Amino acid sequence: MLIAIKSCERDARNGANQAIRDTWGKNRVIFFLGRTTVVPKDDEIELDCPDDYDSLPLKTREIAKLASKKNFSHIFLCDTDSFVILDRLYSCGFEQYDYMGLFGEGYNGDGHFDHKISGPWDRKAPDMMMRDVYPWASGGHGYFLSLAAARMVAAIEPTHWAEDFCVGQILGPAIEAGLLTSYNHPRFNGYVVDHFSTTGQNKTYDPQWMHERFREGLA
């Protein structure tokens, strides 16, 4: 399994990558950046895509391409503010599914629903009503892709800025057709992964948070 951290030049410089190395991810993860001016460390890979927030779907597609070429049976993708409890990650049953993580609305329905999605937070763009969408797993909490799912993500051009939403829309039709399997893990949030969230809070991520979680004995 490849544990892929979606990173960027900012996170490489501000200590976010190092906080994961110092805590749960030492010698276990690979950090993926877009085109950057920093010299990648041994556990960092520079991808041929932009490094900005809106280009995260392109970064995920490049990760999927690389993992597909290497024939990883599964990828786990998460963010630099995701604290992972590794023993629970390895034993959560990911190998049984093509797409697994923490899903939101619509997962237990018929697979289609309308959803109002906010514009990119850094540009304060207006909300958009998305029609007839498929459920998706949270990118912040992280999600698994099988080799078959990764190949599908690698082959399709993203059509939306929201990376996790985009992956759900790519895989949704194949899941509905029975070509891929998915699972909404009921204990993913707070048990397998603890994700720093700014929802409803006026604060930004500080890598010190990762060290605090580690001292709490979560790893």
N, C-alpha and C. Protein backbone atom coordinates (compact mmCIF):
# COMPACT_ATOMS: atom_id res chain seq x y z
N MET A 1 0.84 -1.20 0.00
CA MET A 1 0.00 0.00 0.00
C MET A 1 0.88 1.25 0.00
N LEU A 2 0.51 2.21 -0.80
CA LEU A 2 1.17 3.51 -0.82
C LEU A 2 0.39 4.48 0.05
N ILE A 3 1.02 5.08 1.03
CA ILE A 3 0.41 6.17 1.81
C ILE A 3 0.90 7.47 1.20
N ALA A 4 0.00 8.15 0.51
CA ALA A 4 0.34 9.34 -0.27
C ALA A 4 -0.20 10.58 0.42
N ILE A 5 0.68 11.49 0.77
CA ILE A 5 0.29 12.74 1.39
C ILE A 5 0.25 13.84 0.33
N LYS A 6 -0.91 14.45 0.16
CA LYS A 6 -1.03 15.57 -0.78
C LYS A 6 -0.44 16.81 -0.10
N SER A 7 0.75 17.19 -0.54
CA SER A 7 1.45 18.30 0.07
C SER A 7 1.66 19.40 -0.98
N CYS A 8 2.49 20.38 -0.64
CA CYS A 8 2.78 21.49 -1.55
C CYS A 8 4.04 22.20 -1.06
N GLU A 9 4.50 23.16 -1.83
CA GLU A 9 5.71 23.88 -1.44
C GLU A 9 5.53 24.59 -0.10
N ARG A 10 4.37 25.17 0.11
CA ARG A 10 4.11 25.86 1.39
C ARG A 10 4.29 24.90 2.56
N ASP A 11 3.72 23.70 2.45
CA ASP A 11 3.80 22.74 3.56
C ASP A 11 5.21 22.18 3.73
N ALA A 12 5.94 22.08 2.62
CA ALA A 12 7.33 21.63 2.73
C ALA A 12 8.17 22.67 3.47
N ARG A 13 7.80 23.94 3.34
CA ARG A 13 8.58 25.01 3.96
C ARG A 13 8.13 25.32 5.38
N ASN A 14 6.83 25.15 5.68
CA ASN A 14 6.33 25.60 6.98
C ASN A 14 6.36 24.53 8.07
N GLY A 15 6.90 23.36 7.76
CA GLY A 15 7.05 22.34 8.78
C GLY A 15 5.95 21.30 8.82
N ALA A 16 4.95 21.41 7.94
CA ALA A 16 3.85 20.45 7.96
C ALA A 16 4.33 19.04 7.58
N ASN A 17 5.17 18.95 6.56
CA ASN A 17 5.71 17.64 6.19
C ASN A 17 6.58 17.08 7.32
N GLN A 18 7.41 17.94 7.88
CA GLN A 18 8.31 17.48 8.93
C GLN A 18 7.55 17.00 10.16
N ALA A 19 6.43 17.62 10.46
CA ALA A 19 5.64 17.20 11.62
C ALA A 19 5.14 15.77 11.45
N ILE A 20 4.80 15.40 10.23
CA ILE A 20 4.38 14.01 9.98
C ILE A 20 5.56 13.06 10.08
N ARG A 21 6.72 13.48 9.57
CA ARG A 21 7.93 12.65 9.71
C ARG A 21 8.26 12.42 11.18
N ASP A 22 8.06 13.43 12.00
CA ASP A 22 8.44 13.36 13.40
C ASP A 22 7.45 12.56 14.24
N THR A 23 6.28 12.30 13.69
CA THR A 23 5.23 11.66 14.48
C THR A 23 4.82 10.32 13.86
N TRP A 24 3.65 10.28 13.23
CA TRP A 24 3.09 9.00 12.81
C TRP A 24 3.67 8.47 11.50
N GLY A 25 4.26 9.35 10.66
CA GLY A 25 4.57 8.93 9.30
C GLY A 25 6.01 8.64 9.00
N LYS A 26 6.87 8.59 9.99
CA LYS A 26 8.30 8.41 9.73
C LYS A 26 8.58 7.13 8.94
N ASN A 27 9.22 7.30 7.78
CA ASN A 27 9.59 6.18 6.90
C ASN A 27 8.39 5.38 6.40
N ARG A 28 7.19 5.95 6.48
CA ARG A 28 5.99 5.23 6.06
C ARG A 28 5.27 5.90 4.90
N VAL A 29 5.55 7.17 4.63
CA VAL A 29 4.73 7.94 3.70
C VAL A 29 5.59 8.57 2.62
N ILE A 30 4.91 8.97 1.55
CA ILE A 30 5.53 9.77 0.49
C ILE A 30 4.72 11.07 0.36
N PHE A 31 5.42 12.19 0.32
CA PHE A 31 4.78 13.49 0.13
C PHE A 31 4.82 13.85 -1.35
N PHE A 32 3.69 14.32 -1.87
CA PHE A 32 3.60 14.67 -3.29
C PHE A 32 3.34 16.17 -3.44
N LEU A 33 4.25 16.83 -4.14
CA LEU A 33 4.14 18.26 -4.41
C LEU A 33 3.93 18.46 -5.91
N GLY A 34 3.38 19.61 -6.25
CA GLY A 34 3.34 20.00 -7.65
C GLY A 34 4.67 20.62 -8.04
N ARG A 35 4.68 21.29 -9.17
CA ARG A 35 5.92 21.95 -9.61
C ARG A 35 6.34 22.97 -8.55
N THR A 36 7.59 22.89 -8.12
CA THR A 36 8.02 23.64 -6.94
C THR A 36 9.44 24.18 -7.12
N THR A 37 9.79 25.16 -6.30
CA THR A 37 11.14 25.71 -6.31
C THR A 37 12.00 25.08 -5.22
N VAL A 38 11.41 24.28 -4.34
CA VAL A 38 12.21 23.62 -3.31
C VAL A 38 12.84 22.36 -3.88
N VAL A 39 13.94 21.96 -3.31
CA VAL A 39 14.59 20.70 -3.71
C VAL A 39 13.93 19.58 -2.92
N PRO A 40 13.26 18.65 -3.60
CA PRO A 40 12.54 17.59 -2.88
C PRO A 40 13.48 16.74 -2.02
N LYS A 41 13.02 16.39 -0.83
CA LYS A 41 13.75 15.47 0.02
C LYS A 41 13.53 14.04 -0.48
N ASP A 42 14.16 13.09 0.17
CA ASP A 42 14.09 11.70 -0.29
C ASP A 42 12.67 11.15 -0.28
N ASP A 43 11.83 11.66 0.62
CA ASP A 43 10.46 11.17 0.71
C ASP A 43 9.45 12.12 0.07
N GLU A 44 9.94 13.02 -0.79
CA GLU A 44 9.07 13.96 -1.51
C GLU A 44 9.22 13.75 -3.01
N ILE A 45 8.10 13.79 -3.71
CA ILE A 45 8.11 13.64 -5.16
C ILE A 45 7.45 14.85 -5.79
N GLU A 46 8.13 15.44 -6.75
CA GLU A 46 7.58 16.58 -7.50
C GLU A 46 6.83 16.05 -8.72
N LEU A 47 5.57 16.42 -8.83
CA LEU A 47 4.73 15.97 -9.92
C LEU A 47 4.62 17.04 -11.00
N ASP A 48 4.30 16.63 -12.19
CA ASP A 48 4.18 17.57 -13.31
C ASP A 48 2.76 18.14 -13.34
N CYS A 49 2.48 19.01 -12.36
CA CYS A 49 1.18 19.68 -12.27
C CYS A 49 1.36 20.93 -11.42
N PRO A 50 0.42 21.87 -11.49
CA PRO A 50 0.53 23.05 -10.63
C PRO A 50 0.47 22.66 -9.16
N ASP A 51 0.95 23.55 -8.30
CA ASP A 51 1.06 23.26 -6.87
C ASP A 51 0.00 24.00 -6.05
N ASP A 52 -0.91 24.73 -6.69
CA ASP A 52 -1.88 25.54 -5.95
C ASP A 52 -3.07 24.70 -5.51
N TYR A 53 -3.87 25.29 -4.63
CA TYR A 53 -5.01 24.58 -4.02
C TYR A 53 -6.02 24.12 -5.07
N ASP A 54 -6.34 24.98 -6.02
CA ASP A 54 -7.35 24.64 -7.02
C ASP A 54 -6.92 23.48 -7.92
N SER A 55 -5.62 23.18 -7.93
CA SER A 55 -5.11 22.11 -8.80
C SER A 55 -4.96 20.78 -8.07
N LEU A 56 -5.51 20.66 -6.87
CA LEU A 56 -5.44 19.39 -6.14
C LEU A 56 -5.98 18.20 -6.94
N PRO A 57 -7.07 18.35 -7.71
CA PRO A 57 -7.52 17.21 -8.52
C PRO A 57 -6.46 16.74 -9.51
N LEU A 58 -5.71 17.68 -10.08
CA LEU A 58 -4.63 17.30 -10.99
C LEU A 58 -3.51 16.58 -10.25
N LYS A 59 -3.23 17.03 -9.02
CA LYS A 59 -2.20 16.37 -8.22
C LYS A 59 -2.62 14.94 -7.89
N THR A 60 -3.89 14.76 -7.53
CA THR A 60 -4.39 13.41 -7.24
C THR A 60 -4.33 12.53 -8.48
N ARG A 61 -4.65 13.10 -9.63
CA ARG A 61 -4.58 12.30 -10.86
C ARG A 61 -3.14 11.86 -11.13
N GLU A 62 -2.17 12.74 -10.90
CA GLU A 62 -0.77 12.37 -11.12
C GLU A 62 -0.31 11.31 -10.12
N ILE A 63 -0.78 11.41 -8.87
CA ILE A 63 -0.46 10.37 -7.89
C ILE A 63 -1.03 9.04 -8.34
N ALA A 64 -2.27 9.07 -8.83
CA ALA A 64 -2.92 7.84 -9.31
C ALA A 64 -2.16 7.25 -10.49
N LYS A 65 -1.67 8.11 -11.37
CA LYS A 65 -0.89 7.61 -12.52
C LYS A 65 0.37 6.90 -12.04
N LEU A 66 1.08 7.53 -11.12
CA LEU A 66 2.32 6.95 -10.63
C LEU A 66 2.06 5.63 -9.91
N ALA A 67 1.05 5.61 -9.05
CA ALA A 67 0.74 4.39 -8.30
C ALA A 67 0.29 3.27 -9.23
N SER A 68 -0.43 3.63 -10.29
CA SER A 68 -0.88 2.62 -11.25
C SER A 68 0.30 2.00 -11.98
N LYS A 69 1.27 2.82 -12.35
CA LYS A 69 2.46 2.30 -13.03
C LYS A 69 3.25 1.37 -12.13
N LYS A 70 3.24 1.66 -10.82
CA LYS A 70 3.97 0.84 -9.86
C LYS A 70 3.16 -0.35 -9.38
N ASN A 71 1.90 -0.42 -9.81
CA ASN A 71 1.01 -1.55 -9.46
C ASN A 71 0.78 -1.71 -7.96
N PHE A 72 0.68 -0.59 -7.24
CA PHE A 72 0.26 -0.67 -5.85
C PHE A 72 -1.16 -1.22 -5.80
N SER A 73 -1.41 -2.18 -4.93
CA SER A 73 -2.76 -2.74 -4.85
C SER A 73 -3.73 -1.71 -4.30
N HIS A 74 -3.26 -0.84 -3.40
CA HIS A 74 -4.10 0.22 -2.85
C HIS A 74 -3.26 1.46 -2.56
N ILE A 75 -3.92 2.60 -2.64
CA ILE A 75 -3.35 3.89 -2.22
C ILE A 75 -4.21 4.42 -1.09
N PHE A 76 -3.58 5.00 -0.08
CA PHE A 76 -4.31 5.80 0.89
C PHE A 76 -3.86 7.23 0.71
N LEU A 77 -4.79 8.12 0.37
CA LEU A 77 -4.48 9.53 0.16
C LEU A 77 -5.05 10.35 1.31
N CYS A 78 -4.24 11.25 1.84
CA CYS A 78 -4.73 12.17 2.86
C CYS A 78 -3.96 13.48 2.78
N ASP A 79 -4.25 14.40 3.68
CA ASP A 79 -3.65 15.74 3.66
C ASP A 79 -2.56 15.86 4.73
N THR A 80 -1.86 16.98 4.70
CA THR A 80 -0.79 17.20 5.68
C THR A 80 -1.35 17.51 7.07
N ASP A 81 -2.66 17.76 7.19
CA ASP A 81 -3.26 17.97 8.51
C ASP A 81 -4.11 16.77 8.92
N SER A 82 -3.76 15.59 8.42
CA SER A 82 -4.43 14.34 8.79
C SER A 82 -3.50 13.52 9.68
N PHE A 83 -3.95 13.25 10.90
CA PHE A 83 -3.17 12.41 11.81
C PHE A 83 -3.70 10.99 11.71
N VAL A 84 -2.86 10.05 11.30
CA VAL A 84 -3.28 8.68 11.02
C VAL A 84 -2.78 7.74 12.12
N ILE A 85 -3.68 6.90 12.62
CA ILE A 85 -3.31 5.85 13.56
C ILE A 85 -3.02 4.61 12.73
N LEU A 86 -1.75 4.32 12.52
CA LEU A 86 -1.34 3.37 11.49
C LEU A 86 -1.85 1.95 11.72
N ASP A 87 -1.81 1.46 12.96
CA ASP A 87 -2.27 0.09 13.15
C ASP A 87 -3.74 -0.06 12.81
N ARG A 88 -4.52 0.97 13.07
CA ARG A 88 -5.94 0.93 12.71
C ARG A 88 -6.14 1.11 11.21
N LEU A 89 -5.25 1.87 10.60
CA LEU A 89 -5.32 2.03 9.15
C LEU A 89 -5.08 0.69 8.45
N TYR A 90 -4.06 -0.02 8.90
CA TYR A 90 -3.70 -1.29 8.27
C TYR A 90 -4.75 -2.38 8.50
N SER A 91 -5.52 -2.25 9.59
CA SER A 91 -6.47 -3.31 9.95
C SER A 91 -7.93 -2.93 9.71
N CYS A 92 -8.17 -1.85 8.97
CA CYS A 92 -9.55 -1.36 8.82
C CYS A 92 -10.33 -2.06 7.71
N GLY A 93 -9.72 -2.99 7.00
CA GLY A 93 -10.44 -3.74 5.98
C GLY A 93 -10.41 -3.12 4.60
N PHE A 94 -9.49 -2.21 4.36
CA PHE A 94 -9.44 -1.49 3.08
C PHE A 94 -9.28 -2.41 1.89
N GLU A 95 -8.62 -3.56 2.09
CA GLU A 95 -8.30 -4.45 0.97
C GLU A 95 -9.54 -5.10 0.36
N GLN A 96 -10.68 -4.97 1.03
CA GLN A 96 -11.91 -5.57 0.53
C GLN A 96 -12.66 -4.68 -0.46
N TYR A 97 -12.22 -3.42 -0.60
CA TYR A 97 -12.98 -2.44 -1.38
C TYR A 97 -12.10 -1.67 -2.36
N ASP A 98 -12.76 -1.09 -3.34
CA ASP A 98 -12.05 -0.24 -4.30
C ASP A 98 -11.98 1.21 -3.85
N TYR A 99 -12.93 1.63 -3.01
CA TYR A 99 -13.02 3.04 -2.62
C TYR A 99 -13.60 3.05 -1.21
N MET A 100 -12.81 3.49 -0.23
CA MET A 100 -13.26 3.45 1.15
C MET A 100 -12.78 4.67 1.90
N GLY A 101 -13.62 5.18 2.79
CA GLY A 101 -13.28 6.30 3.62
C GLY A 101 -14.50 6.76 4.38
N LEU A 102 -14.55 8.04 4.71
CA LEU A 102 -15.69 8.64 5.40
C LEU A 102 -16.51 9.40 4.37
N PHE A 103 -17.70 8.90 4.06
CA PHE A 103 -18.58 9.53 3.09
C PHE A 103 -19.58 10.43 3.79
N GLY A 104 -20.09 11.40 3.05
CA GLY A 104 -21.11 12.29 3.57
C GLY A 104 -22.48 11.90 3.07
N GLU A 105 -23.27 12.90 2.77
CA GLU A 105 -24.66 12.67 2.38
C GLU A 105 -24.77 11.84 1.11
N GLY A 106 -25.87 11.12 1.02
CA GLY A 106 -26.19 10.41 -0.20
C GLY A 106 -25.65 9.01 -0.30
N TYR A 107 -24.75 8.62 0.63
CA TYR A 107 -24.12 7.31 0.45
C TYR A 107 -25.11 6.17 0.58
N ASN A 108 -26.04 6.27 1.49
CA ASN A 108 -27.00 5.19 1.70
C ASN A 108 -28.28 5.37 0.89
N GLY A 109 -28.27 6.34 0.00
CA GLY A 109 -29.43 6.55 -0.86
C GLY A 109 -29.27 5.84 -2.19
N ASP A 110 -29.86 6.44 -3.22
CA ASP A 110 -29.80 5.80 -4.53
C ASP A 110 -28.58 6.23 -5.34
N GLY A 111 -27.68 7.01 -4.71
CA GLY A 111 -26.44 7.38 -5.38
C GLY A 111 -26.51 8.68 -6.14
N HIS A 112 -27.68 9.33 -6.16
CA HIS A 112 -27.80 10.61 -6.88
C HIS A 112 -28.52 11.61 -5.98
N PHE A 113 -27.98 12.81 -5.89
CA PHE A 113 -28.64 13.85 -5.11
C PHE A 113 -28.09 15.21 -5.54
N ASP A 114 -28.80 16.25 -5.23
CA ASP A 114 -28.33 17.61 -5.50
C ASP A 114 -27.56 18.11 -4.29
N HIS A 115 -26.50 18.86 -4.55
CA HIS A 115 -25.63 19.30 -3.45
C HIS A 115 -25.10 20.70 -3.74
N LYS A 116 -25.22 21.56 -2.74
CA LYS A 116 -24.64 22.91 -2.85
C LYS A 116 -23.22 22.85 -2.34
N ILE A 117 -22.27 23.13 -3.21
CA ILE A 117 -20.86 23.06 -2.84
C ILE A 117 -20.26 24.46 -2.88
N SER A 118 -19.47 24.78 -1.87
CA SER A 118 -18.90 26.12 -1.80
C SER A 118 -17.77 26.28 -2.80
N GLY A 119 -17.52 27.52 -3.17
CA GLY A 119 -16.41 27.80 -4.06
C GLY A 119 -15.10 27.68 -3.30
N PRO A 120 -13.97 27.71 -4.01
CA PRO A 120 -12.67 27.60 -3.35
C PRO A 120 -12.53 28.62 -2.23
N TRP A 121 -12.16 28.14 -1.04
CA TRP A 121 -12.11 29.00 0.14
C TRP A 121 -11.16 30.17 -0.03
N ASP A 122 -10.10 29.99 -0.80
CA ASP A 122 -9.08 31.03 -0.90
C ASP A 122 -9.48 32.13 -1.88
N ARG A 123 -10.54 31.91 -2.65
CA ARG A 123 -11.00 32.94 -3.59
C ARG A 123 -12.40 33.45 -3.25
N LYS A 124 -12.99 32.89 -2.20
CA LYS A 124 -14.32 33.29 -1.75
C LYS A 124 -15.31 33.31 -2.90
N ALA A 125 -15.24 32.28 -3.73
CA ALA A 125 -16.14 32.17 -4.88
C ALA A 125 -17.55 31.81 -4.39
N PRO A 126 -18.56 32.13 -5.18
CA PRO A 126 -19.93 31.83 -4.76
C PRO A 126 -20.20 30.33 -4.73
N ASP A 127 -21.19 29.95 -3.93
CA ASP A 127 -21.61 28.56 -3.88
C ASP A 127 -22.21 28.13 -5.21
N MET A 128 -22.13 26.84 -5.48
CA MET A 128 -22.69 26.29 -6.72
C MET A 128 -23.60 25.12 -6.38
N MET A 129 -24.76 25.04 -7.03
CA MET A 129 -25.65 23.91 -6.87
C MET A 129 -25.28 22.85 -7.90
N MET A 130 -24.80 21.72 -7.41
CA MET A 130 -24.42 20.62 -8.28
C MET A 130 -25.58 19.64 -8.37
N ARG A 131 -25.97 19.29 -9.56
CA ARG A 131 -27.14 18.43 -9.77
C ARG A 131 -26.73 16.99 -10.02
N ASP A 132 -27.50 16.08 -9.44
CA ASP A 132 -27.38 14.66 -9.75
C ASP A 132 -25.96 14.14 -9.50
N VAL A 133 -25.44 14.39 -8.30
CA VAL A 133 -24.07 14.00 -7.99
C VAL A 133 -24.03 12.66 -7.25
N TYR A 134 -22.83 12.08 -7.18
CA TYR A 134 -22.59 10.84 -6.46
C TYR A 134 -21.92 11.15 -5.12
N PRO A 135 -22.06 10.27 -4.14
CA PRO A 135 -21.36 10.47 -2.86
C PRO A 135 -19.85 10.42 -3.04
N TRP A 136 -19.14 11.00 -2.09
CA TRP A 136 -17.68 10.99 -2.15
C TRP A 136 -17.10 10.90 -0.74
N ALA A 137 -15.89 10.37 -0.67
CA ALA A 137 -15.19 10.24 0.60
C ALA A 137 -14.39 11.51 0.89
N SER A 138 -14.34 11.90 2.14
CA SER A 138 -13.64 13.11 2.55
C SER A 138 -12.15 13.02 2.27
N GLY A 139 -11.62 14.03 1.60
CA GLY A 139 -10.19 14.07 1.33
C GLY A 139 -9.37 14.37 2.57
N GLY A 140 -9.90 15.18 3.47
CA GLY A 140 -9.18 15.51 4.69
C GLY A 140 -9.00 14.32 5.61
N HIS A 141 -10.05 13.53 5.76
CA HIS A 141 -9.95 12.32 6.57
C HIS A 141 -9.19 11.22 5.83
N GLY A 142 -9.10 11.37 4.52
CA GLY A 142 -8.36 10.40 3.73
C GLY A 142 -9.26 9.31 3.18
N TYR A 143 -8.83 8.69 2.12
CA TYR A 143 -9.60 7.60 1.52
C TYR A 143 -8.66 6.65 0.78
N PHE A 144 -9.16 5.43 0.60
CA PHE A 144 -8.43 4.39 -0.11
C PHE A 144 -8.91 4.26 -1.54
N LEU A 145 -7.99 4.00 -2.44
CA LEU A 145 -8.29 3.62 -3.82
C LEU A 145 -7.58 2.32 -4.13
N SER A 146 -8.30 1.37 -4.73
CA SER A 146 -7.66 0.16 -5.23
C SER A 146 -6.93 0.49 -6.53
N LEU A 147 -6.17 -0.47 -7.02
CA LEU A 147 -5.48 -0.28 -8.29
C LEU A 147 -6.47 0.01 -9.41
N ALA A 148 -7.61 -0.70 -9.43
CA ALA A 148 -8.62 -0.47 -10.46
C ALA A 148 -9.19 0.94 -10.37
N ALA A 149 -9.47 1.39 -9.16
CA ALA A 149 -10.00 2.74 -8.97
C ALA A 149 -8.96 3.79 -9.32
N ALA A 150 -7.70 3.56 -8.93
CA ALA A 150 -6.63 4.50 -9.24
C ALA A 150 -6.45 4.65 -10.74
N ARG A 151 -6.54 3.55 -11.47
CA ARG A 151 -6.41 3.63 -12.93
C ARG A 151 -7.53 4.45 -13.54
N MET A 152 -8.71 4.37 -12.95
CA MET A 152 -9.83 5.16 -13.46
C MET A 152 -9.62 6.64 -13.18
N VAL A 153 -9.16 6.97 -11.98
CA VAL A 153 -8.88 8.36 -11.63
C VAL A 153 -7.76 8.91 -12.50
N ALA A 154 -6.76 8.08 -12.79
CA ALA A 154 -5.62 8.51 -13.59
C ALA A 154 -6.00 8.81 -15.04
N ALA A 155 -7.07 8.18 -15.51
CA ALA A 155 -7.41 8.27 -16.94
C ALA A 155 -8.39 9.39 -17.27
N ILE A 156 -8.99 10.02 -16.26
CA ILE A 156 -10.06 10.99 -16.51
C ILE A 156 -9.63 12.39 -16.10
N GLU A 157 -9.90 13.36 -16.96
CA GLU A 157 -9.58 14.76 -16.70
C GLU A 157 -10.52 15.31 -15.63
N PRO A 158 -10.00 15.89 -14.54
CA PRO A 158 -10.87 16.47 -13.51
C PRO A 158 -11.70 17.62 -14.07
N THR A 159 -12.90 17.76 -13.56
CA THR A 159 -13.80 18.82 -14.03
C THR A 159 -14.21 19.76 -12.91
N HIS A 160 -13.63 19.63 -11.74
CA HIS A 160 -14.03 20.46 -10.61
C HIS A 160 -12.83 20.71 -9.71
N TRP A 161 -12.82 21.83 -9.00
CA TRP A 161 -11.68 22.18 -8.16
C TRP A 161 -11.62 21.34 -6.89
N ALA A 162 -12.76 20.83 -6.39
CA ALA A 162 -12.79 20.09 -5.12
C ALA A 162 -12.30 18.67 -5.36
N GLU A 163 -11.13 18.36 -4.86
CA GLU A 163 -10.45 17.10 -5.18
C GLU A 163 -11.26 15.88 -4.78
N ASP A 164 -11.74 15.82 -3.53
CA ASP A 164 -12.46 14.63 -3.08
C ASP A 164 -13.80 14.49 -3.80
N PHE A 165 -14.50 15.60 -4.01
CA PHE A 165 -15.75 15.58 -4.76
C PHE A 165 -15.51 15.04 -6.17
N CYS A 166 -14.44 15.50 -6.78
CA CYS A 166 -14.12 15.10 -8.15
C CYS A 166 -13.89 13.59 -8.24
N VAL A 167 -13.15 13.03 -7.29
CA VAL A 167 -12.90 11.58 -7.29
C VAL A 167 -14.20 10.81 -7.17
N GLY A 168 -15.10 11.28 -6.31
CA GLY A 168 -16.39 10.61 -6.16
C GLY A 168 -17.21 10.61 -7.43
N GLN A 169 -17.12 11.70 -8.20
CA GLN A 169 -17.88 11.77 -9.45
C GLN A 169 -17.26 10.88 -10.53
N ILE A 170 -15.95 10.70 -10.49
CA ILE A 170 -15.29 9.82 -11.45
C ILE A 170 -15.65 8.36 -11.18
N LEU A 171 -15.64 7.98 -9.90
CA LEU A 171 -15.86 6.58 -9.54
C LEU A 171 -17.33 6.21 -9.40
N GLY A 172 -18.18 7.20 -9.16
CA GLY A 172 -19.60 6.93 -8.90
C GLY A 172 -20.29 6.07 -9.94
N PRO A 173 -20.18 6.38 -11.23
CA PRO A 173 -20.87 5.56 -12.23
C PRO A 173 -20.41 4.10 -12.23
N ALA A 174 -19.10 3.85 -12.03
CA ALA A 174 -18.60 2.48 -12.00
C ALA A 174 -19.09 1.74 -10.76
N ILE A 175 -19.20 2.46 -9.63
CA ILE A 175 -19.73 1.83 -8.42
C ILE A 175 -21.20 1.49 -8.61
N GLU A 176 -21.95 2.42 -9.18
CA GLU A 176 -23.38 2.18 -9.43
C GLU A 176 -23.59 1.01 -10.38
N ALA A 177 -22.69 0.85 -11.33
CA ALA A 177 -22.81 -0.25 -12.30
C ALA A 177 -22.30 -1.58 -11.75
N GLY A 178 -21.76 -1.57 -10.54
CA GLY A 178 -21.24 -2.80 -9.95
C GLY A 178 -19.84 -3.17 -10.40
N LEU A 179 -19.15 -2.25 -11.06
CA LEU A 179 -17.80 -2.53 -11.53
C LEU A 179 -16.76 -2.28 -10.44
N LEU A 180 -17.08 -1.42 -9.49
CA LEU A 180 -16.21 -1.14 -8.35
C LEU A 180 -17.05 -1.24 -7.07
N THR A 181 -16.37 -1.47 -5.95
CA THR A 181 -17.05 -1.51 -4.66
C THR A 181 -16.64 -0.32 -3.81
N SER A 182 -17.50 0.10 -2.90
CA SER A 182 -17.18 1.21 -2.00
C SER A 182 -17.72 0.89 -0.61
N TYR A 183 -17.18 1.61 0.38
CA TYR A 183 -17.61 1.37 1.76
C TYR A 183 -17.42 2.65 2.56
N ASN A 184 -18.48 3.03 3.27
CA ASN A 184 -18.45 4.17 4.17
C ASN A 184 -18.09 3.64 5.57
N HIS A 185 -16.83 3.78 5.96
CA HIS A 185 -16.37 3.21 7.22
C HIS A 185 -16.95 3.99 8.40
N PRO A 186 -17.75 3.36 9.26
CA PRO A 186 -18.45 4.10 10.31
C PRO A 186 -17.54 4.67 11.39
N ARG A 187 -16.31 4.14 11.51
CA ARG A 187 -15.41 4.60 12.58
C ARG A 187 -14.16 5.28 12.02
N PHE A 188 -14.23 5.73 10.80
CA PHE A 188 -13.04 6.33 10.18
C PHE A 188 -12.64 7.61 10.89
N ASN A 189 -13.61 8.48 11.10
CA ASN A 189 -13.34 9.78 11.71
C ASN A 189 -13.10 9.63 13.21
N GLY A 190 -11.92 10.01 13.66
CA GLY A 190 -11.61 9.98 15.07
C GLY A 190 -11.10 8.65 15.58
N TYR A 191 -11.16 7.62 14.75
CA TYR A 191 -10.65 6.31 15.15
C TYR A 191 -9.46 5.89 14.28
N VAL A 192 -9.65 5.93 12.97
CA VAL A 192 -8.56 5.63 12.04
C VAL A 192 -7.74 6.88 11.76
N VAL A 193 -8.43 7.99 11.55
CA VAL A 193 -7.78 9.26 11.20
C VAL A 193 -8.40 10.38 12.02
N ASP A 194 -7.55 11.26 12.54
CA ASP A 194 -8.00 12.48 13.20
C ASP A 194 -7.61 13.64 12.31
N HIS A 195 -8.60 14.34 11.77
CA HIS A 195 -8.32 15.41 10.81
C HIS A 195 -8.54 16.77 11.45
N PHE A 196 -7.55 17.63 11.32
CA PHE A 196 -7.70 19.01 11.80
C PHE A 196 -8.71 19.72 10.92
N SER A 197 -9.74 20.28 11.53
CA SER A 197 -10.80 20.93 10.76
C SER A 197 -10.94 22.38 11.16
N THR A 198 -11.09 23.25 10.16
CA THR A 198 -11.33 24.67 10.41
C THR A 198 -12.78 25.03 10.15
N THR A 199 -13.64 24.03 9.92
CA THR A 199 -15.04 24.29 9.63
C THR A 199 -15.69 25.05 10.79
N GLY A 200 -16.21 26.21 10.50
CA GLY A 200 -16.86 27.01 11.51
C GLY A 200 -15.91 27.64 12.51
N GLN A 201 -14.62 27.57 12.24
CA GLN A 201 -13.63 28.11 13.15
C GLN A 201 -12.72 29.08 12.42
N ASN A 202 -12.39 30.16 13.09
CA ASN A 202 -11.54 31.17 12.48
C ASN A 202 -10.08 30.91 12.88
N LYS A 203 -9.52 29.81 12.35
CA LYS A 203 -8.14 29.49 12.67
C LYS A 203 -7.51 28.73 11.52
N THR A 204 -6.20 28.73 11.48
CA THR A 204 -5.46 28.01 10.45
C THR A 204 -4.66 26.88 11.09
N TYR A 205 -4.24 25.96 10.26
CA TYR A 205 -3.52 24.79 10.76
C TYR A 205 -2.10 25.16 11.19
N ASP A 206 -1.72 24.69 12.37
CA ASP A 206 -0.37 24.84 12.89
C ASP A 206 0.21 23.43 13.03
N PRO A 207 1.36 23.13 12.39
CA PRO A 207 1.93 21.79 12.50
C PRO A 207 2.14 21.30 13.92
N GLN A 208 2.16 22.22 14.89
CA GLN A 208 2.31 21.82 16.28
C GLN A 208 1.15 20.92 16.71
N TRP A 209 0.00 21.08 16.06
CA TRP A 209 -1.17 20.23 16.35
C TRP A 209 -0.82 18.76 16.17
N MET A 210 -0.01 18.43 15.16
CA MET A 210 0.38 17.05 14.90
C MET A 210 1.19 16.50 16.06
N HIS A 211 2.09 17.30 16.60
CA HIS A 211 2.90 16.88 17.74
C HIS A 211 2.03 16.69 18.98
N GLU A 212 1.03 17.54 19.14
CA GLU A 212 0.13 17.41 20.29
C GLU A 212 -0.64 16.09 20.22
N ARG A 213 -1.11 15.74 19.04
CA ARG A 213 -1.82 14.47 18.89
C ARG A 213 -0.89 13.29 19.18
N PHE A 214 0.34 13.41 18.76
CA PHE A 214 1.31 12.34 18.97
C PHE A 214 1.59 12.17 20.46
N ARG A 215 1.71 13.28 21.17
CA ARG A 215 1.96 13.19 22.62
C ARG A 215 0.78 12.61 23.37
N GLU A 216 -0.40 12.73 22.79
CA GLU A 216 -1.59 12.14 23.40
C GLU A 216 -1.63 10.63 23.26
N GLY A 217 -0.66 10.07 22.52
CA GLY A 217 -0.56 8.63 22.41
C GLY A 217 -1.47 8.02 21.36
N LEU A 218 -1.85 8.80 20.33
CA LEU A 218 -2.76 8.29 19.32
C LEU A 218 -2.06 7.39 18.31
N ALA A 219 -0.74 7.55 18.15
CA ALA A 219 -0.04 6.77 17.14
C ALA A 219 0.20 5.34 17.60
